[in-house]
Amino acid sequence: MPGWVVEYTISATTFLAIFIVVRLRRRTEARSRVDEAFTVFTAVVFGVLIAATAWGHAILQLVGIAADATR
């Protein structure tokens, strides 16, 4: 069963990534506060879903290395 959860997470993550890119390509002037809040919400959900994948762990390690290098 764990393999199924990982596949579902990757599928949902891919869908959200495409959704966020499409939403962010729109003109900024055309967005309402609710529209911007929804985009932020989907980006946060994307981050939570991608954190469970190996790719998410690799990004976390790179950010940690970059943070250590700036000290």
PDB file of N, CA and C in Angstrom:
ATOM      1  N   MET A   1       0.798  -1.198   0.000  1.00  0.00           N
ATOM      2  CA  MET A   1       0.000   0.000   0.000  1.00  0.00           C
ATOM      3  C   MET A   1       0.852   1.278   0.000  1.00  0.00           C
ATOM      4  N   PRO A   2       2.041   1.319   0.653  1.00  0.00           N
ATOM      5  CA  PRO A   2       2.832   2.552   0.624  1.00  0.00           C
ATOM      6  C   PRO A   2       3.229   2.991  -0.776  1.00  0.00           C
ATOM      7  N   GLY A   3       3.467   2.063  -1.696  1.00  0.00           N
ATOM      8  CA  GLY A   3       3.805   2.429  -3.068  1.00  0.00           C
ATOM      9  C   GLY A   3       2.687   3.197  -3.738  1.00  0.00           C
ATOM     10  N   TRP A   4       1.450   2.849  -3.417  1.00  0.00           N
ATOM     11  CA  TRP A   4       0.289   3.534  -3.985  1.00  0.00           C
ATOM     12  C   TRP A   4       0.228   4.973  -3.501  1.00  0.00           C
ATOM     13  N   VAL A   5       0.534   5.208  -2.242  1.00  0.00           N
ATOM     14  CA  VAL A   5       0.498   6.561  -1.679  1.00  0.00           C
ATOM     15  C   VAL A   5       1.553   7.429  -2.347  1.00  0.00           C
ATOM     16  N   VAL A   6       2.734   6.905  -2.583  1.00  0.00           N
ATOM     17  CA  VAL A   6       3.790   7.666  -3.225  1.00  0.00           C
ATOM     18  C   VAL A   6       3.388   8.029  -4.651  1.00  0.00           C
ATOM     19  N   GLU A   7       2.816   7.086  -5.378  1.00  0.00           N
ATOM     20  CA  GLU A   7       2.378   7.372  -6.740  1.00  0.00           C
ATOM     21  C   GLU A   7       1.306   8.451  -6.746  1.00  0.00           C
ATOM     22  N   TYR A   8       0.380   8.391  -5.803  1.00  0.00           N
ATOM     23  CA  TYR A   8      -0.683   9.388  -5.708  1.00  0.00           C
ATOM     24  C   TYR A   8      -0.087  10.753  -5.379  1.00  0.00           C
ATOM     25  N   THR A   9       0.866  10.799  -4.474  1.00  0.00           N
ATOM     26  CA  THR A   9       1.502  12.058  -4.102  1.00  0.00           C
ATOM     27  C   THR A   9       2.214  12.671  -5.302  1.00  0.00           C
ATOM     28  N   ILE A  10       2.913  11.880  -6.079  1.00  0.00           N
ATOM     29  CA  ILE A  10       3.623  12.394  -7.244  1.00  0.00           C
ATOM     30  C   ILE A  10       2.630  12.905  -8.285  1.00  0.00           C
ATOM     31  N   SER A  11       1.522  12.203  -8.483  1.00  0.00           N
ATOM     32  CA  SER A  11       0.511  12.639  -9.438  1.00  0.00           C
ATOM     33  C   SER A  11      -0.115  13.959  -9.005  1.00  0.00           C
ATOM     34  N   ALA A  12      -0.464  14.066  -7.732  1.00  0.00           N
ATOM     35  CA  ALA A  12      -1.047  15.296  -7.217  1.00  0.00           C
ATOM     36  C   ALA A  12      -0.039  16.438  -7.291  1.00  0.00           C
ATOM     37  N   THR A  13       1.219  16.152  -7.011  1.00  0.00           N
ATOM     38  CA  THR A  13       2.257  17.167  -7.070  1.00  0.00           C
ATOM     39  C   THR A  13       2.447  17.664  -8.494  1.00  0.00           C
ATOM     40  N   THR A  14       2.454  16.765  -9.446  1.00  0.00           N
ATOM     41  CA  THR A  14       2.594  17.159 -10.846  1.00  0.00           C
ATOM     42  C   THR A  14       1.424  18.028 -11.282  1.00  0.00           C
ATOM     43  N   PHE A  15       0.216  17.629 -10.919  1.00  0.00           N
ATOM     44  CA  PHE A  15      -0.967  18.414 -11.260  1.00  0.00           C
ATOM     45  C   PHE A  15      -0.880  19.813 -10.651  1.00  0.00           C
ATOM     46  N   LEU A  16      -0.516  19.901  -9.372  1.00  0.00           N
ATOM     47  CA  LEU A  16      -0.425  21.211  -8.730  1.00  0.00           C
ATOM     48  C   LEU A  16       0.681  22.066  -9.332  1.00  0.00           C
ATOM     49  N   ALA A  17       1.796  21.459  -9.707  1.00  0.00           N
ATOM     50  CA  ALA A  17       2.876  22.230 -10.325  1.00  0.00           C
ATOM     51  C   ALA A  17       2.409  22.856 -11.633  1.00  0.00           C
ATOM     52  N   ILE A  18       1.720  22.084 -12.449  1.00  0.00           N
ATOM     53  CA  ILE A  18       1.198  22.627 -13.708  1.00  0.00           C
ATOM     54  C   ILE A  18       0.165  23.705 -13.432  1.00  0.00           C
ATOM     55  N   PHE A  19      -0.699  23.466 -12.465  1.00  0.00           N
ATOM     56  CA  PHE A  19      -1.744  24.421 -12.103  1.00  0.00           C
ATOM     57  C   PHE A  19      -1.136  25.747 -11.631  1.00  0.00           C
ATOM     58  N   ILE A  20      -0.102  25.682 -10.804  1.00  0.00           N
ATOM     59  CA  ILE A  20       0.543  26.897 -10.290  1.00  0.00           C
ATOM     60  C   ILE A  20       1.215  27.666 -11.421  1.00  0.00           C
ATOM     61  N   VAL A  21       1.899  26.971 -12.316  1.00  0.00           N
ATOM     62  CA  VAL A  21       2.560  27.652 -13.431  1.00  0.00           C
ATOM     63  C   VAL A  21       1.539  28.367 -14.304  1.00  0.00           C
ATOM     64  N   VAL A  22       0.419  27.711 -14.588  1.00  0.00           N
ATOM     65  CA  VAL A  22      -0.622  28.343 -15.406  1.00  0.00           C
ATOM     66  C   VAL A  22      -1.185  29.577 -14.704  1.00  0.00           C
ATOM     67  N   ARG A  23      -1.422  29.477 -13.410  1.00  0.00           N
ATOM     68  CA  ARG A  23      -1.982  30.613 -12.660  1.00  0.00           C
ATOM     69  C   ARG A  23      -0.980  31.770 -12.569  1.00  0.00           C
ATOM     70  N   LEU A  24       0.290  31.472 -12.435  1.00  0.00           N
ATOM     71  CA  LEU A  24       1.277  32.537 -12.286  1.00  0.00           C
ATOM     72  C   LEU A  24       1.612  33.222 -13.609  1.00  0.00           C
ATOM     73  N   ARG A  25       1.261  32.613 -14.729  1.00  0.00           N
ATOM     74  CA  ARG A  25       1.523  33.234 -16.023  1.00  0.00           C
ATOM     75  C   ARG A  25       0.516  34.332 -16.344  1.00  0.00           C
ATOM     76  N   ARG A  26      -0.571  34.401 -15.586  1.00  0.00           N
ATOM     77  CA  ARG A  26      -1.576  35.442 -15.816  1.00  0.00           C
ATOM     78  C   ARG A  26      -1.031  36.798 -15.386  1.00  0.00           C
ATOM     79  N   ARG A  27      -1.612  37.842 -15.920  1.00  0.00           N
ATOM     80  CA  ARG A  27      -1.175  39.197 -15.576  1.00  0.00           C
ATOM     81  C   ARG A  27      -1.481  39.499 -14.112  1.00  0.00           C
ATOM     82  N   THR A  28      -0.585  40.200 -13.457  1.00  0.00           N
ATOM     83  CA  THR A  28      -0.740  40.514 -12.044  1.00  0.00           C
ATOM     84  C   THR A  28      -1.919  41.448 -11.803  1.00  0.00           C
ATOM     85  N   GLU A  29      -2.163  42.387 -12.713  1.00  0.00           N
ATOM     86  CA  GLU A  29      -3.222  43.363 -12.519  1.00  0.00           C
ATOM     87  C   GLU A  29      -4.607  42.710 -12.523  1.00  0.00           C
ATOM     88  N   ALA A  30      -4.732  41.550 -13.130  1.00  0.00           N
ATOM     89  CA  ALA A  30      -6.034  40.899 -13.259  1.00  0.00           C
ATOM     90  C   ALA A  30      -6.401  40.063 -12.032  1.00  0.00           C
ATOM     91  N   ARG A  31      -5.547  39.998 -11.031  1.00  0.00           N
ATOM     92  CA  ARG A  31      -5.790  39.129  -9.877  1.00  0.00           C
ATOM     93  C   ARG A  31      -6.474  39.878  -8.740  1.00  0.00           C
ATOM     94  N   SER A  32      -7.392  39.199  -8.088  1.00  0.00           N
ATOM     95  CA  SER A  32      -8.018  39.744  -6.889  1.00  0.00           C
ATOM     96  C   SER A  32      -7.278  39.185  -5.672  1.00  0.00           C
ATOM     97  N   ARG A  33      -7.623  39.676  -4.499  1.00  0.00           N
ATOM     98  CA  ARG A  33      -6.987  39.164  -3.276  1.00  0.00           C
ATOM     99  C   ARG A  33      -7.322  37.690  -3.069  1.00  0.00           C
ATOM    100  N   VAL A  34      -8.552  37.322  -3.370  1.00  0.00           N
ATOM    101  CA  VAL A  34      -8.953  35.924  -3.218  1.00  0.00           C
ATOM    102  C   VAL A  34      -8.166  35.051  -4.196  1.00  0.00           C
ATOM    103  N   ASP A  35      -7.968  35.535  -5.407  1.00  0.00           N
ATOM    104  CA  ASP A  35      -7.210  34.796  -6.413  1.00  0.00           C
ATOM    105  C   ASP A  35      -5.762  34.625  -5.961  1.00  0.00           C
ATOM    106  N   GLU A  36      -5.167  35.665  -5.420  1.00  0.00           N
ATOM    107  CA  GLU A  36      -3.785  35.569  -4.935  1.00  0.00           C
ATOM    108  C   GLU A  36      -3.688  34.623  -3.738  1.00  0.00           C
ATOM    109  N   ALA A  37      -4.667  34.694  -2.839  1.00  0.00           N
ATOM    110  CA  ALA A  37      -4.668  33.811  -1.667  1.00  0.00           C
ATOM    111  C   ALA A  37      -4.803  32.351  -2.091  1.00  0.00           C
ATOM    112  N   PHE A  38      -5.632  32.094  -3.093  1.00  0.00           N
ATOM    113  CA  PHE A  38      -5.790  30.726  -3.583  1.00  0.00           C
ATOM    114  C   PHE A  38      -4.498  30.218  -4.211  1.00  0.00           C
ATOM    115  N   THR A  39      -3.800  31.085  -4.936  1.00  0.00           N
ATOM    116  CA  THR A  39      -2.522  30.688  -5.536  1.00  0.00           C
ATOM    117  C   THR A  39      -1.500  30.367  -4.444  1.00  0.00           C
ATOM    118  N   VAL A  40      -1.460  31.163  -3.396  1.00  0.00           N
ATOM    119  CA  VAL A  40      -0.543  30.899  -2.277  1.00  0.00           C
ATOM    120  C   VAL A  40      -0.911  29.582  -1.606  1.00  0.00           C
ATOM    121  N   PHE A  41      -2.200  29.357  -1.408  1.00  0.00           N
ATOM    122  CA  PHE A  41      -2.652  28.109  -0.785  1.00  0.00           C
ATOM    123  C   PHE A  41      -2.219  26.898  -1.612  1.00  0.00           C
ATOM    124  N   THR A  42      -2.408  26.951  -2.922  1.00  0.00           N
ATOM    125  CA  THR A  42      -2.009  25.822  -3.769  1.00  0.00           C
ATOM    126  C   THR A  42      -0.495  25.635  -3.756  1.00  0.00           C
ATOM    127  N   ALA A  43       0.258  26.727  -3.657  1.00  0.00           N
ATOM    128  CA  ALA A  43       1.719  26.609  -3.585  1.00  0.00           C
ATOM    129  C   ALA A  43       2.145  25.941  -2.277  1.00  0.00           C
ATOM    130  N   VAL A  44       1.465  26.261  -1.191  1.00  0.00           N
ATOM    131  CA  VAL A  44       1.784  25.634   0.095  1.00  0.00           C
ATOM    132  C   VAL A  44       1.448  24.143   0.056  1.00  0.00           C
ATOM    133  N   VAL A  45       0.294  23.797  -0.491  1.00  0.00           N
ATOM    134  CA  VAL A  45      -0.074  22.384  -0.618  1.00  0.00           C
ATOM    135  C   VAL A  45       0.940  21.660  -1.498  1.00  0.00           C
ATOM    136  N   PHE A  46       1.379  22.303  -2.578  1.00  0.00           N
ATOM    137  CA  PHE A  46       2.413  21.733  -3.443  1.00  0.00           C
ATOM    138  C   PHE A  46       3.672  21.444  -2.629  1.00  0.00           C
ATOM    139  N   GLY A  47       4.079  22.387  -1.799  1.00  0.00           N
ATOM    140  CA  GLY A  47       5.269  22.195  -0.971  1.00  0.00           C
ATOM    141  C   GLY A  47       5.129  21.036  -0.004  1.00  0.00           C
ATOM    142  N   VAL A  48       3.953  20.903   0.587  1.00  0.00           N
ATOM    143  CA  VAL A  48       3.716  19.795   1.518  1.00  0.00           C
ATOM    144  C   VAL A  48       3.755  18.458   0.786  1.00  0.00           C
ATOM    145  N   LEU A  49       3.155  18.397  -0.389  1.00  0.00           N
ATOM    146  CA  LEU A  49       3.150  17.140  -1.142  1.00  0.00           C
ATOM    147  C   LEU A  49       4.538  16.772  -1.653  1.00  0.00           C
ATOM    148  N   ILE A  50       5.297  17.755  -2.088  1.00  0.00           N
ATOM    149  CA  ILE A  50       6.616  17.448  -2.649  1.00  0.00           C
ATOM    150  C   ILE A  50       7.625  17.101  -1.547  1.00  0.00           C
ATOM    151  N   ALA A  51       7.348  17.526  -0.317  1.00  0.00           N
ATOM    152  CA  ALA A  51       8.271  17.231   0.777  1.00  0.00           C
ATOM    153  C   ALA A  51       8.365  15.736   1.052  1.00  0.00           C
ATOM    154  N   ALA A  52       7.340  14.980   0.703  1.00  0.00           N
ATOM    155  CA  ALA A  52       7.331  13.538   0.971  1.00  0.00           C
ATOM    156  C   ALA A  52       8.091  12.738  -0.083  1.00  0.00           C
ATOM    157  N   THR A  53       8.546  13.385  -1.137  1.00  0.00           N
ATOM    158  CA  THR A  53       9.232  12.664  -2.210  1.00  0.00           C
ATOM    159  C   THR A  53      10.744  12.791  -2.070  1.00  0.00           C
ATOM    160  N   ALA A  54      11.471  11.957  -2.791  1.00  0.00           N
ATOM    161  CA  ALA A  54      12.930  12.029  -2.780  1.00  0.00           C
ATOM    162  C   ALA A  54      13.409  13.360  -3.360  1.00  0.00           C
ATOM    163  N   TRP A  55      12.687  13.853  -4.363  1.00  0.00           N
ATOM    164  CA  TRP A  55      13.025  15.145  -4.955  1.00  0.00           C
ATOM    165  C   TRP A  55      12.879  16.261  -3.925  1.00  0.00           C
ATOM    166  N   GLY A  56      11.844  16.179  -3.109  1.00  0.00           N
ATOM    167  CA  GLY A  56      11.637  17.164  -2.046  1.00  0.00           C
ATOM    168  C   GLY A  56      12.758  17.138  -1.017  1.00  0.00           C
ATOM    169  N   HIS A  57      13.222  15.938  -0.686  1.00  0.00           N
ATOM    170  CA  HIS A  57      14.343  15.818   0.255  1.00  0.00           C
ATOM    171  C   HIS A  57      15.625  16.390  -0.339  1.00  0.00           C
ATOM    172  N   ALA A  58      15.837  16.199  -1.619  1.00  0.00           N
ATOM    173  CA  ALA A  58      17.024  16.754  -2.279  1.00  0.00           C
ATOM    174  C   ALA A  58      16.969  18.283  -2.267  1.00  0.00           C
ATOM    175  N   ILE A  59      15.800  18.850  -2.529  1.00  0.00           N
ATOM    176  CA  ILE A  59      15.657  20.313  -2.484  1.00  0.00           C
ATOM    177  C   ILE A  59      15.928  20.818  -1.078  1.00  0.00           C
ATOM    178  N   LEU A  60      15.405  20.116  -0.067  1.00  0.00           N
ATOM    179  CA  LEU A  60      15.640  20.513   1.324  1.00  0.00           C
ATOM    180  C   LEU A  60      17.126  20.504   1.657  1.00  0.00           C
ATOM    181  N   GLN A  61      17.842  19.495   1.198  1.00  0.00           N
ATOM    182  CA  GLN A  61      19.281  19.434   1.446  1.00  0.00           C
ATOM    183  C   GLN A  61      20.012  20.578   0.748  1.00  0.00           C
ATOM    184  N   LEU A  62      19.624  20.914  -0.486  1.00  0.00           N
ATOM    185  CA  LEU A  62      20.265  22.027  -1.198  1.00  0.00           C
ATOM    186  C   LEU A  62      20.007  23.351  -0.512  1.00  0.00           C
ATOM    187  N   VAL A  63      18.791  23.545  -0.035  1.00  0.00           N
ATOM    188  CA  VAL A  63      18.482  24.787   0.688  1.00  0.00           C
ATOM    189  C   VAL A  63      19.277  24.851   1.985  1.00  0.00           C
ATOM    190  N   GLY A  64      19.414  23.717   2.658  1.00  0.00           N
ATOM    191  CA  GLY A  64      20.223  23.682   3.889  1.00  0.00           C
ATOM    192  C   GLY A  64      21.686  24.006   3.627  1.00  0.00           C
ATOM    193  N   ILE A  65      22.231  23.489   2.540  1.00  0.00           N
ATOM    194  CA  ILE A  65      23.621  23.780   2.187  1.00  0.00           C
ATOM    195  C   ILE A  65      23.782  25.269   1.862  1.00  0.00           C
ATOM    196  N   ALA A  66      22.811  25.823   1.106  1.00  0.00           N
ATOM    197  CA  ALA A  66      22.869  27.249   0.772  1.00  0.00           C
ATOM    198  C   ALA A  66      22.757  28.110   2.035  1.00  0.00           C
ATOM    199  N   ALA A  67      21.921  27.693   2.974  1.00  0.00           N
ATOM    200  CA  ALA A  67      21.767  28.459   4.213  1.00  0.00           C
ATOM    201  C   ALA A  67      23.048  28.415   5.033  1.00  0.00           C
ATOM    202  N   ASP A  68      23.682  27.245   5.079  1.00  0.00           N
ATOM    203  CA  ASP A  68      24.950  27.113   5.826  1.00  0.00           C
ATOM    204  C   ASP A  68      26.053  27.944   5.154  1.00  0.00           C
ATOM    205  N   ALA A  69      26.030  28.052   3.840  1.00  0.00           N
ATOM    206  CA  ALA A  69      27.068  28.798   3.125  1.00  0.00           C
ATOM    207  C   ALA A  69      26.941  30.312   3.341  1.00  0.00           C
ATOM    208  N   THR A  70      25.776  30.782   3.705  1.00  0.00           N
ATOM    209  CA  THR A  70      25.593  32.222   3.891  1.00  0.00           C
ATOM    210  C   THR A  70      25.918  32.683   5.304  1.00  0.00           C
ATOM    211  N   ARG A  71      26.275  31.787   6.176  1.00  0.00           N
ATOM    212  CA  ARG A  71      26.614  32.179   7.564  1.00  0.00           C
ATOM    213  C   ARG A  71      27.997  32.737   7.640  1.00  0.00           C
TER     214      ARG A  71
END
